[in-house]
């Protein structure tokens, strides 16, 4: 199970779910959902039982990136998640498809997050990956204050603008007493397809410097890769490819690092929390 939470109120675990990993970012446009999707796929490829919860209710891109538009259905009082590529998935994009925007205030956001956490039949999972919306708002707080998150992953790019907001995300998770698994520097560099030289499109190394300054681990420097973009747009995540594939390797290595961090935190935290009914 995840680490023992601190705070006034106990956080009720989700029956059958061993570890909850929140993937967040200080701002949009850094590839947070791309990292969430490929991390989940890579973990499933390693043989783990994985769920993927799309908590970015205003911009639910997981259905597109996972290549499915099925409609969930209820069995008794439990919503059945969509299954794709060996993952169990839930997203507002399944419930509100198309281009119609959601115009919701905080209480409605809280309710849908709790529905996704508690009323979805996740079954037995080793990891539930939660793709958070960008920023530090209501959805993040609702999740962190009610669910026993094993750890958080912060996604950033090397640019100073992105890093400034990534630091805010780190401090937000610390404020709500959620362990930080590490930072991921996405779009870290581009390898020229013609000369094979590394091009630092959004600068380079900022993620490492910021991780050191904030006292967190840098888990990966992911390249700006056209194949990753193609996989997301076509609903075939690049992490589905074999580990020997250069485009998939970075995400598979990231998945291994995440497992190591979660397991080390679980050992350090000792016994865990009560189970909800």
C-alpha atoms as a PDB file:
ATOM      1  CA  UNK A   1       0.000   0.000   0.000  1.00  0.00           C
ATOM      2  CA  UNK A   2       0.977   3.648  -0.197  1.00  0.00           C
ATOM      3  CA  UNK A   3       2.715   5.687   2.476  1.00  0.00           C
ATOM      4  CA  UNK A   4       0.933   6.538   5.697  1.00  0.00           C
ATOM      5  CA  UNK A   5      -0.633   9.966   5.353  1.00  0.00           C
ATOM      6  CA  UNK A   6      -0.373  12.729   7.865  1.00  0.00           C
ATOM      7  CA  UNK A   7      -3.107  15.181   8.789  1.00  0.00           C
ATOM      8  CA  UNK A   8      -6.246  15.409  10.869  1.00  0.00           C
ATOM      9  CA  UNK A   9      -8.496  13.120   8.845  1.00  0.00           C
ATOM     10  CA  UNK A  10      -7.599   9.597   7.700  1.00  0.00           C
ATOM     11  CA  UNK A  11      -7.607   9.070   3.967  1.00  0.00           C
ATOM     12  CA  UNK A  12      -9.654   6.079   2.905  1.00  0.00           C
ATOM     13  CA  UNK A  13      -7.882   3.692   0.575  1.00  0.00           C
ATOM     14  CA  UNK A  14      -9.503   2.409  -2.593  1.00  0.00           C
ATOM     15  CA  UNK A  15     -10.151  -1.323  -2.096  1.00  0.00           C
ATOM     16  CA  UNK A  16      -7.872  -3.399  -4.305  1.00  0.00           C
ATOM     17  CA  UNK A  17      -5.626  -0.499  -5.343  1.00  0.00           C
ATOM     18  CA  UNK A  18      -2.118  -0.844  -3.979  1.00  0.00           C
ATOM     19  CA  UNK A  19      -0.503   2.414  -5.087  1.00  0.00           C
ATOM     20  CA  UNK A  20      -1.896   5.711  -6.372  1.00  0.00           C
ATOM     21  CA  UNK A  21       0.483   7.863  -8.393  1.00  0.00           C
ATOM     22  CA  UNK A  22      -0.518  11.437  -9.220  1.00  0.00           C
ATOM     23  CA  UNK A  23       1.059  13.031 -12.294  1.00  0.00           C
ATOM     24  CA  UNK A  24       0.934  16.812 -12.123  1.00  0.00           C
ATOM     25  CA  UNK A  25       2.479  19.948 -13.565  1.00  0.00           C
ATOM     26  CA  UNK A  26       2.589  23.601 -12.682  1.00  0.00           C
ATOM     27  CA  UNK A  27       1.300  24.621 -16.109  1.00  0.00           C
ATOM     28  CA  UNK A  28      -0.262  23.193 -19.238  1.00  0.00           C
ATOM     29  CA  UNK A  29       1.521  22.342 -22.451  1.00  0.00           C
ATOM     30  CA  UNK A  30       4.369  20.366 -20.912  1.00  0.00           C
ATOM     31  CA  UNK A  31       3.195  16.902 -22.023  1.00  0.00           C
ATOM     32  CA  UNK A  32       1.810  15.758 -18.672  1.00  0.00           C
ATOM     33  CA  UNK A  33      -0.897  13.552 -20.202  1.00  0.00           C
ATOM     34  CA  UNK A  34       1.598  12.083 -22.660  1.00  0.00           C
ATOM     35  CA  UNK A  35       3.807  11.114 -19.726  1.00  0.00           C
ATOM     36  CA  UNK A  36       0.833   9.727 -17.760  1.00  0.00           C
ATOM     37  CA  UNK A  37      -0.380   7.582 -20.650  1.00  0.00           C
ATOM     38  CA  UNK A  38       3.016   6.206 -21.602  1.00  0.00           C
ATOM     39  CA  UNK A  39       3.972   5.600 -17.977  1.00  0.00           C
ATOM     40  CA  UNK A  40       0.771   3.601 -17.453  1.00  0.00           C
ATOM     41  CA  UNK A  41       1.325   1.608 -20.645  1.00  0.00           C
ATOM     42  CA  UNK A  42       4.968   0.946 -19.734  1.00  0.00           C
ATOM     43  CA  UNK A  43       3.991  -0.285 -16.267  1.00  0.00           C
ATOM     44  CA  UNK A  44       1.412  -2.629 -17.796  1.00  0.00           C
ATOM     45  CA  UNK A  45       4.091  -3.845 -20.186  1.00  0.00           C
ATOM     46  CA  UNK A  46       6.182  -4.816 -17.173  1.00  0.00           C
ATOM     47  CA  UNK A  47       3.367  -7.064 -15.981  1.00  0.00           C
ATOM     48  CA  UNK A  48       1.741  -4.795 -13.410  1.00  0.00           C
ATOM     49  CA  UNK A  49      -2.019  -4.373 -13.097  1.00  0.00           C
ATOM     50  CA  UNK A  50      -2.594  -0.736 -13.991  1.00  0.00           C
ATOM     51  CA  UNK A  51      -5.454   1.745 -14.028  1.00  0.00           C
ATOM     52  CA  UNK A  52      -5.424   5.200 -15.604  1.00  0.00           C
ATOM     53  CA  UNK A  53      -7.743   7.886 -14.238  1.00  0.00           C
ATOM     54  CA  UNK A  54      -8.076  11.074 -16.275  1.00  0.00           C
ATOM     55  CA  UNK A  55      -8.728  13.775 -13.663  1.00  0.00           C
ATOM     56  CA  UNK A  56      -8.175  16.604 -16.146  1.00  0.00           C
ATOM     57  CA  UNK A  57     -11.914  17.129 -16.497  1.00  0.00           C
ATOM     58  CA  UNK A  58     -11.611  20.360 -18.504  1.00  0.00           C
ATOM     59  CA  UNK A  59      -9.231  18.833 -21.059  1.00  0.00           C
ATOM     60  CA  UNK A  60      -9.701  15.046 -21.008  1.00  0.00           C
ATOM     61  CA  UNK A  61      -7.273  13.839 -23.673  1.00  0.00           C
ATOM     62  CA  UNK A  62      -6.731  10.302 -22.401  1.00  0.00           C
ATOM     63  CA  UNK A  63      -9.455   8.740 -24.643  1.00  0.00           C
ATOM     64  CA  UNK A  64      -7.776  10.127 -27.764  1.00  0.00           C
ATOM     65  CA  UNK A  65      -4.291   9.091 -26.681  1.00  0.00           C
ATOM     66  CA  UNK A  66      -5.474   5.612 -25.710  1.00  0.00           C
ATOM     67  CA  UNK A  67      -7.395   5.127 -28.943  1.00  0.00           C
ATOM     68  CA  UNK A  68     -10.839   4.400 -27.534  1.00  0.00           C
ATOM     69  CA  UNK A  69     -14.183   6.223 -27.356  1.00  0.00           C
ATOM     70  CA  UNK A  70     -16.246   3.512 -25.691  1.00  0.00           C
ATOM     71  CA  UNK A  71     -19.018   4.449 -23.299  1.00  0.00           C
ATOM     72  CA  UNK A  72     -18.737   3.192 -19.704  1.00  0.00           C
ATOM     73  CA  UNK A  73     -21.694   1.368 -18.203  1.00  0.00           C
ATOM     74  CA  UNK A  74     -22.839   0.625 -14.667  1.00  0.00           C
ATOM     75  CA  UNK A  75     -23.027  -2.836 -13.156  1.00  0.00           C
ATOM     76  CA  UNK A  76     -25.111  -2.495 -10.033  1.00  0.00           C
ATOM     77  CA  UNK A  77     -23.819   0.669  -8.377  1.00  0.00           C
ATOM     78  CA  UNK A  78     -20.330   0.425  -9.850  1.00  0.00           C
ATOM     79  CA  UNK A  79     -19.120   2.098 -13.042  1.00  0.00           C
ATOM     80  CA  UNK A  80     -17.147  -0.281 -15.220  1.00  0.00           C
ATOM     81  CA  UNK A  81     -13.908   1.250 -16.531  1.00  0.00           C
ATOM     82  CA  UNK A  82     -12.970   1.009 -20.185  1.00  0.00           C
ATOM     83  CA  UNK A  83     -10.262  -1.543 -20.908  1.00  0.00           C
ATOM     84  CA  UNK A  84      -7.595  -0.833 -23.512  1.00  0.00           C
ATOM     85  CA  UNK A  85      -4.055  -2.161 -23.976  1.00  0.00           C
ATOM     86  CA  UNK A  86      -4.405  -4.098 -20.728  1.00  0.00           C
ATOM     87  CA  UNK A  87      -5.274  -0.971 -18.722  1.00  0.00           C
ATOM     88  CA  UNK A  88      -8.484   0.030 -16.951  1.00  0.00           C
ATOM     89  CA  UNK A  89      -9.351   3.624 -17.847  1.00  0.00           C
ATOM     90  CA  UNK A  90     -11.844   6.251 -16.731  1.00  0.00           C
ATOM     91  CA  UNK A  91     -12.132   9.761 -18.154  1.00  0.00           C
ATOM     92  CA  UNK A  92     -14.690  12.525 -18.399  1.00  0.00           C
ATOM     93  CA  UNK A  93     -13.975  12.292 -22.125  1.00  0.00           C
ATOM     94  CA  UNK A  94     -15.955   9.032 -22.161  1.00  0.00           C
ATOM     95  CA  UNK A  95     -18.937  10.653 -20.437  1.00  0.00           C
ATOM     96  CA  UNK A  96     -18.917  13.990 -22.256  1.00  0.00           C
ATOM     97  CA  UNK A  97     -17.466  13.281 -25.730  1.00  0.00           C
ATOM     98  CA  UNK A  98     -17.075  15.822 -28.473  1.00  0.00           C
ATOM     99  CA  UNK A  99     -16.170  19.504 -28.328  1.00  0.00           C
ATOM    100  CA  UNK A 100     -18.700  20.681 -25.743  1.00  0.00           C
ATOM    101  CA  UNK A 101     -16.787  22.294 -22.851  1.00  0.00           C
ATOM    102  CA  UNK A 102     -17.496  21.619 -19.204  1.00  0.00           C
ATOM    103  CA  UNK A 103     -18.279  24.767 -17.221  1.00  0.00           C
ATOM    104  CA  UNK A 104     -18.155  23.544 -13.638  1.00  0.00           C
ATOM    105  CA  UNK A 105     -17.359  25.055 -10.276  1.00  0.00           C
ATOM    106  CA  UNK A 106     -15.391  23.539  -7.396  1.00  0.00           C
ATOM    107  CA  UNK A 107     -18.120  21.398  -5.721  1.00  0.00           C
ATOM    108  CA  UNK A 108     -18.986  19.672  -9.015  1.00  0.00           C
ATOM    109  CA  UNK A 109     -15.307  18.969  -9.661  1.00  0.00           C
ATOM    110  CA  UNK A 110     -14.971  17.456  -6.197  1.00  0.00           C
ATOM    111  CA  UNK A 111     -17.989  15.214  -6.800  1.00  0.00           C
ATOM    112  CA  UNK A 112     -16.760  13.836 -10.111  1.00  0.00           C
ATOM    113  CA  UNK A 113     -13.296  13.123  -8.718  1.00  0.00           C
ATOM    114  CA  UNK A 114     -14.840  11.223  -5.811  1.00  0.00           C
ATOM    115  CA  UNK A 115     -17.087   9.313  -8.239  1.00  0.00           C
ATOM    116  CA  UNK A 116     -14.059   8.314 -10.293  1.00  0.00           C
ATOM    117  CA  UNK A 117     -12.140   7.255  -7.180  1.00  0.00           C
ATOM    118  CA  UNK A 118     -14.871   5.480  -5.227  1.00  0.00           C
ATOM    119  CA  UNK A 119     -17.593   4.383  -7.648  1.00  0.00           C
ATOM    120  CA  UNK A 120     -15.489   3.012 -10.489  1.00  0.00           C
ATOM    121  CA  UNK A 121     -14.888  -0.739 -10.284  1.00  0.00           C
ATOM    122  CA  UNK A 122     -11.097  -0.559 -10.521  1.00  0.00           C
ATOM    123  CA  UNK A 123     -10.665  -4.146  -9.363  1.00  0.00           C
ATOM    124  CA  UNK A 124      -7.242  -5.327  -8.213  1.00  0.00           C
ATOM    125  CA  UNK A 125      -4.549  -2.859  -9.282  1.00  0.00           C
ATOM    126  CA  UNK A 126      -0.877  -2.525  -8.502  1.00  0.00           C
ATOM    127  CA  UNK A 127      -0.842   1.069  -9.737  1.00  0.00           C
ATOM    128  CA  UNK A 128      -3.527   3.658 -10.396  1.00  0.00           C
ATOM    129  CA  UNK A 129      -2.041   6.510 -12.422  1.00  0.00           C
ATOM    130  CA  UNK A 130      -3.987   9.762 -12.075  1.00  0.00           C
ATOM    131  CA  UNK A 131      -3.480  12.423 -14.734  1.00  0.00           C
ATOM    132  CA  UNK A 132      -4.157  15.697 -12.919  1.00  0.00           C
ATOM    133  CA  UNK A 133      -5.131  18.979 -14.554  1.00  0.00           C
ATOM    134  CA  UNK A 134      -2.333  21.545 -14.768  1.00  0.00           C
ATOM    135  CA  UNK A 135      -1.867  23.966 -11.928  1.00  0.00           C
ATOM    136  CA  UNK A 136      -2.675  23.799  -8.228  1.00  0.00           C
ATOM    137  CA  UNK A 137      -6.460  24.066  -8.025  1.00  0.00           C
ATOM    138  CA  UNK A 138      -9.605  22.376  -6.730  1.00  0.00           C
ATOM    139  CA  UNK A 139      -9.136  18.976  -8.393  1.00  0.00           C
ATOM    140  CA  UNK A 140      -5.648  18.542  -6.985  1.00  0.00           C
ATOM    141  CA  UNK A 141      -6.724  19.491  -3.475  1.00  0.00           C
ATOM    142  CA  UNK A 142      -9.827  17.295  -3.583  1.00  0.00           C
ATOM    143  CA  UNK A 143      -7.755  14.295  -4.575  1.00  0.00           C
ATOM    144  CA  UNK A 144      -4.856  14.835  -2.188  1.00  0.00           C
ATOM    145  CA  UNK A 145      -7.066  15.487   0.827  1.00  0.00           C
ATOM    146  CA  UNK A 146      -9.228  12.384   0.408  1.00  0.00           C
ATOM    147  CA  UNK A 147      -7.111   9.669  -1.239  1.00  0.00           C
ATOM    148  CA  UNK A 148      -3.898   8.023  -0.002  1.00  0.00           C
ATOM    149  CA  UNK A 149      -1.608   9.050  -2.838  1.00  0.00           C
ATOM    150  CA  UNK A 150       1.606   7.022  -2.749  1.00  0.00           C
ATOM    151  CA  UNK A 151       3.547   9.749  -4.503  1.00  0.00           C
ATOM    152  CA  UNK A 152       3.478  12.501  -7.091  1.00  0.00           C
ATOM    153  CA  UNK A 153       5.374  12.981 -10.317  1.00  0.00           C
ATOM    154  CA  UNK A 154       6.030  16.533 -11.522  1.00  0.00           C
ATOM    155  CA  UNK A 155       6.308  17.045 -15.290  1.00  0.00           C
ATOM    156  CA  UNK A 156       8.080  20.099 -16.664  1.00  0.00           C
ATOM    157  CA  UNK A 157      10.022  21.262 -19.691  1.00  0.00           C
ATOM    158  CA  UNK A 158      13.512  22.798 -19.435  1.00  0.00           C
ATOM    159  CA  UNK A 159      12.220  26.340 -20.035  1.00  0.00           C
ATOM    160  CA  UNK A 160      12.339  28.876 -17.209  1.00  0.00           C
ATOM    161  CA  UNK A 161       8.610  29.600 -17.569  1.00  0.00           C
ATOM    162  CA  UNK A 162       7.722  25.945 -17.069  1.00  0.00           C
ATOM    163  CA  UNK A 163      10.200  25.481 -14.234  1.00  0.00           C
ATOM    164  CA  UNK A 164       8.827  28.452 -12.327  1.00  0.00           C
ATOM    165  CA  UNK A 165       5.418  26.783 -12.220  1.00  0.00           C
ATOM    166  CA  UNK A 166       6.912  23.333 -11.556  1.00  0.00           C
ATOM    167  CA  UNK A 167       8.394  24.683  -8.326  1.00  0.00           C
ATOM    168  CA  UNK A 168       4.923  25.796  -7.284  1.00  0.00           C
ATOM    169  CA  UNK A 169       3.614  22.283  -7.955  1.00  0.00           C
ATOM    170  CA  UNK A 170       6.358  20.793  -5.774  1.00  0.00           C
ATOM    171  CA  UNK A 171       5.443  23.128  -2.926  1.00  0.00           C
ATOM    172  CA  UNK A 172       1.738  22.379  -3.361  1.00  0.00           C
ATOM    173  CA  UNK A 173       2.295  18.632  -2.967  1.00  0.00           C
ATOM    174  CA  UNK A 174       4.488  19.231   0.055  1.00  0.00           C
ATOM    175  CA  UNK A 175       1.849  21.469   1.613  1.00  0.00           C
ATOM    176  CA  UNK A 176      -0.725  18.664   1.407  1.00  0.00           C
ATOM    177  CA  UNK A 177       1.880  16.168   2.647  1.00  0.00           C
ATOM    178  CA  UNK A 178       2.198  14.047  -0.485  1.00  0.00           C
ATOM    179  CA  UNK A 179       5.580  12.469  -1.159  1.00  0.00           C
ATOM    180  CA  UNK A 180       7.216  13.538  -4.411  1.00  0.00           C
ATOM    181  CA  UNK A 181       8.553  10.639  -6.427  1.00  0.00           C
ATOM    182  CA  UNK A 182      10.544  12.980  -8.630  1.00  0.00           C
ATOM    183  CA  UNK A 183      10.536  15.339 -11.575  1.00  0.00           C
ATOM    184  CA  UNK A 184      10.412  14.492 -15.253  1.00  0.00           C
ATOM    185  CA  UNK A 185      11.953  16.904 -17.745  1.00  0.00           C
ATOM    186  CA  UNK A 186       9.880  16.435 -20.891  1.00  0.00           C
ATOM    187  CA  UNK A 187      10.883  17.786 -24.325  1.00  0.00           C
ATOM    188  CA  UNK A 188      14.396  17.845 -22.919  1.00  0.00           C
ATOM    189  CA  UNK A 189      16.077  17.793 -26.316  1.00  0.00           C
ATOM    190  CA  UNK A 190      15.536  16.948 -29.975  1.00  0.00           C
ATOM    191  CA  UNK A 191      17.768  14.592 -31.908  1.00  0.00           C
ATOM    192  CA  UNK A 192      18.088  15.871 -35.468  1.00  0.00           C
ATOM    193  CA  UNK A 193      16.940  13.073 -37.810  1.00  0.00           C
ATOM    194  CA  UNK A 194      19.517  14.105 -40.408  1.00  0.00           C
ATOM    195  CA  UNK A 195      22.743  14.781 -38.506  1.00  0.00           C
ATOM    196  CA  UNK A 196      21.849  13.100 -35.180  1.00  0.00           C
ATOM    197  CA  UNK A 197      22.981  16.165 -33.252  1.00  0.00           C
ATOM    198  CA  UNK A 198      21.143  17.093 -30.054  1.00  0.00           C
ATOM    199  CA  UNK A 199      19.165  20.334 -30.303  1.00  0.00           C
ATOM    200  CA  UNK A 200      18.056  22.033 -27.090  1.00  0.00           C
ATOM    201  CA  UNK A 201      14.763  23.438 -28.338  1.00  0.00           C
ATOM    202  CA  UNK A 202      13.495  24.566 -24.927  1.00  0.00           C
ATOM    203  CA  UNK A 203      16.915  24.953 -23.314  1.00  0.00           C
ATOM    204  CA  UNK A 204      18.355  21.990 -21.407  1.00  0.00           C
ATOM    205  CA  UNK A 205      19.290  21.033 -17.870  1.00  0.00           C
ATOM    206  CA  UNK A 206      16.747  23.241 -16.133  1.00  0.00           C
ATOM    207  CA  UNK A 207      14.889  20.238 -14.793  1.00  0.00           C
ATOM    208  CA  UNK A 208      18.040  18.842 -13.179  1.00  0.00           C
ATOM    209  CA  UNK A 209      18.953  22.171 -11.611  1.00  0.00           C
ATOM    210  CA  UNK A 210      15.456  22.690 -10.277  1.00  0.00           C
ATOM    211  CA  UNK A 211      15.243  19.152  -8.912  1.00  0.00           C
ATOM    212  CA  UNK A 212      18.487  19.707  -7.033  1.00  0.00           C
ATOM    213  CA  UNK A 213      17.295  23.061  -5.708  1.00  0.00           C
ATOM    214  CA  UNK A 214      13.986  21.578  -4.519  1.00  0.00           C
ATOM    215  CA  UNK A 215      15.575  18.446  -3.064  1.00  0.00           C
ATOM    216  CA  UNK A 216      13.787  15.966  -5.337  1.00  0.00           C
ATOM    217  CA  UNK A 217      15.028  13.362  -7.791  1.00  0.00           C
ATOM    218  CA  UNK A 218      15.123  13.896 -11.539  1.00  0.00           C
ATOM    219  CA  UNK A 219      13.704  10.626 -12.828  1.00  0.00           C
ATOM    220  CA  UNK A 220      13.954  11.204 -16.570  1.00  0.00           C
ATOM    221  CA  UNK A 221      14.953  13.578 -19.347  1.00  0.00           C
ATOM    222  CA  UNK A 222      12.528  12.677 -22.120  1.00  0.00           C
ATOM    223  CA  UNK A 223      13.308  13.765 -25.694  1.00  0.00           C
ATOM    224  CA  UNK A 224      11.074  15.834 -27.939  1.00  0.00           C
ATOM    225  CA  UNK A 225      10.204  12.927 -30.202  1.00  0.00           C
ATOM    226  CA  UNK A 226       7.890  13.054 -33.259  1.00  0.00           C
ATOM    227  CA  UNK A 227       7.059   9.378 -32.714  1.00  0.00           C
ATOM    228  CA  UNK A 228       5.709  10.174 -29.246  1.00  0.00           C
ATOM    229  CA  UNK A 229       3.463  12.850 -30.738  1.00  0.00           C
ATOM    230  CA  UNK A 230       2.324  10.468 -33.465  1.00  0.00           C
ATOM    231  CA  UNK A 231       1.515   7.771 -30.927  1.00  0.00           C
ATOM    232  CA  UNK A 232      -0.629  10.167 -28.923  1.00  0.00           C
ATOM    233  CA  UNK A 233      -2.515  11.485 -31.922  1.00  0.00           C
ATOM    234  CA  UNK A 234      -3.232   8.021 -33.324  1.00  0.00           C
ATOM    235  CA  UNK A 235      -4.168   6.348 -30.045  1.00  0.00           C
ATOM    236  CA  UNK A 236      -1.178   3.997 -30.065  1.00  0.00           C
ATOM    237  CA  UNK A 237       1.166   5.176 -27.268  1.00  0.00           C
ATOM    238  CA  UNK A 238       4.831   4.778 -28.121  1.00  0.00           C
ATOM    239  CA  UNK A 239       5.424   2.798 -24.895  1.00  0.00           C
ATOM    240  CA  UNK A 240       3.519  -0.099 -26.499  1.00  0.00           C
ATOM    241  CA  UNK A 241       6.632  -0.793 -28.536  1.00  0.00           C
ATOM    242  CA  UNK A 242       9.350  -3.192 -27.488  1.00  0.00           C
ATOM    243  CA  UNK A 243      11.879  -2.014 -24.919  1.00  0.00           C
ATOM    244  CA  UNK A 244      14.571  -2.182 -27.567  1.00  0.00           C
ATOM    245  CA  UNK A 245      12.776   0.521 -29.539  1.00  0.00           C
ATOM    246  CA  UNK A 246      14.587   3.810 -28.971  1.00  0.00           C
ATOM    247  CA  UNK A 247      11.340   5.793 -28.905  1.00  0.00           C
ATOM    248  CA  UNK A 248       9.803   3.618 -26.175  1.00  0.00           C
ATOM    249  CA  UNK A 249      12.935   3.067 -24.110  1.00  0.00           C
ATOM    250  CA  UNK A 250      12.816   6.362 -22.214  1.00  0.00           C
ATOM    251  CA  UNK A 251       9.294   5.696 -20.913  1.00  0.00           C
ATOM    252  CA  UNK A 252      10.085   2.102 -20.005  1.00  0.00           C
ATOM    253  CA  UNK A 253      13.122   3.276 -18.050  1.00  0.00           C
ATOM    254  CA  UNK A 254      10.971   5.921 -16.347  1.00  0.00           C
ATOM    255  CA  UNK A 255       8.478   3.239 -15.319  1.00  0.00           C
ATOM    256  CA  UNK A 256      11.288   1.272 -13.700  1.00  0.00           C
ATOM    257  CA  UNK A 257      12.473   4.321 -11.770  1.00  0.00           C
ATOM    258  CA  UNK A 258       8.935   5.061 -10.578  1.00  0.00           C
ATOM    259  CA  UNK A 259       8.493   1.501  -9.308  1.00  0.00           C
ATOM    260  CA  UNK A 260      11.780   1.761  -7.401  1.00  0.00           C
ATOM    261  CA  UNK A 261      10.750   5.047  -5.799  1.00  0.00           C
ATOM    262  CA  UNK A 262       7.267   3.844  -4.832  1.00  0.00           C
ATOM    263  CA  UNK A 263       8.615   0.658  -3.302  1.00  0.00           C
ATOM    264  CA  UNK A 264      11.284   2.496  -1.337  1.00  0.00           C
ATOM    265  CA  UNK A 265       8.719   4.956   0.041  1.00  0.00           C
ATOM    266  CA  UNK A 266       6.323   2.130   0.929  1.00  0.00           C
ATOM    267  CA  UNK A 267       9.049   0.340   2.902  1.00  0.00           C
ATOM    268  CA  UNK A 268       9.979   3.544   4.709  1.00  0.00           C
ATOM    269  CA  UNK A 269       6.371   4.410   5.588  1.00  0.00           C
ATOM    270  CA  UNK A 270       5.485   1.124   7.274  1.00  0.00           C
ATOM    271  CA  UNK A 271       1.848   0.049   7.898  1.00  0.00           C
ATOM    272  CA  UNK A 272      -0.840   1.871   6.003  1.00  0.00           C
ATOM    273  CA  UNK A 273      -4.335   3.153   6.368  1.00  0.00           C
ATOM    274  CA  UNK A 274      -7.868   1.947   6.808  1.00  0.00           C
ATOM    275  CA  UNK A 275      -9.861   0.588   3.887  1.00  0.00           C
ATOM    276  CA  UNK A 276     -13.112   2.204   2.786  1.00  0.00           C
ATOM    277  CA  UNK A 277     -16.298   0.188   2.552  1.00  0.00           C
END
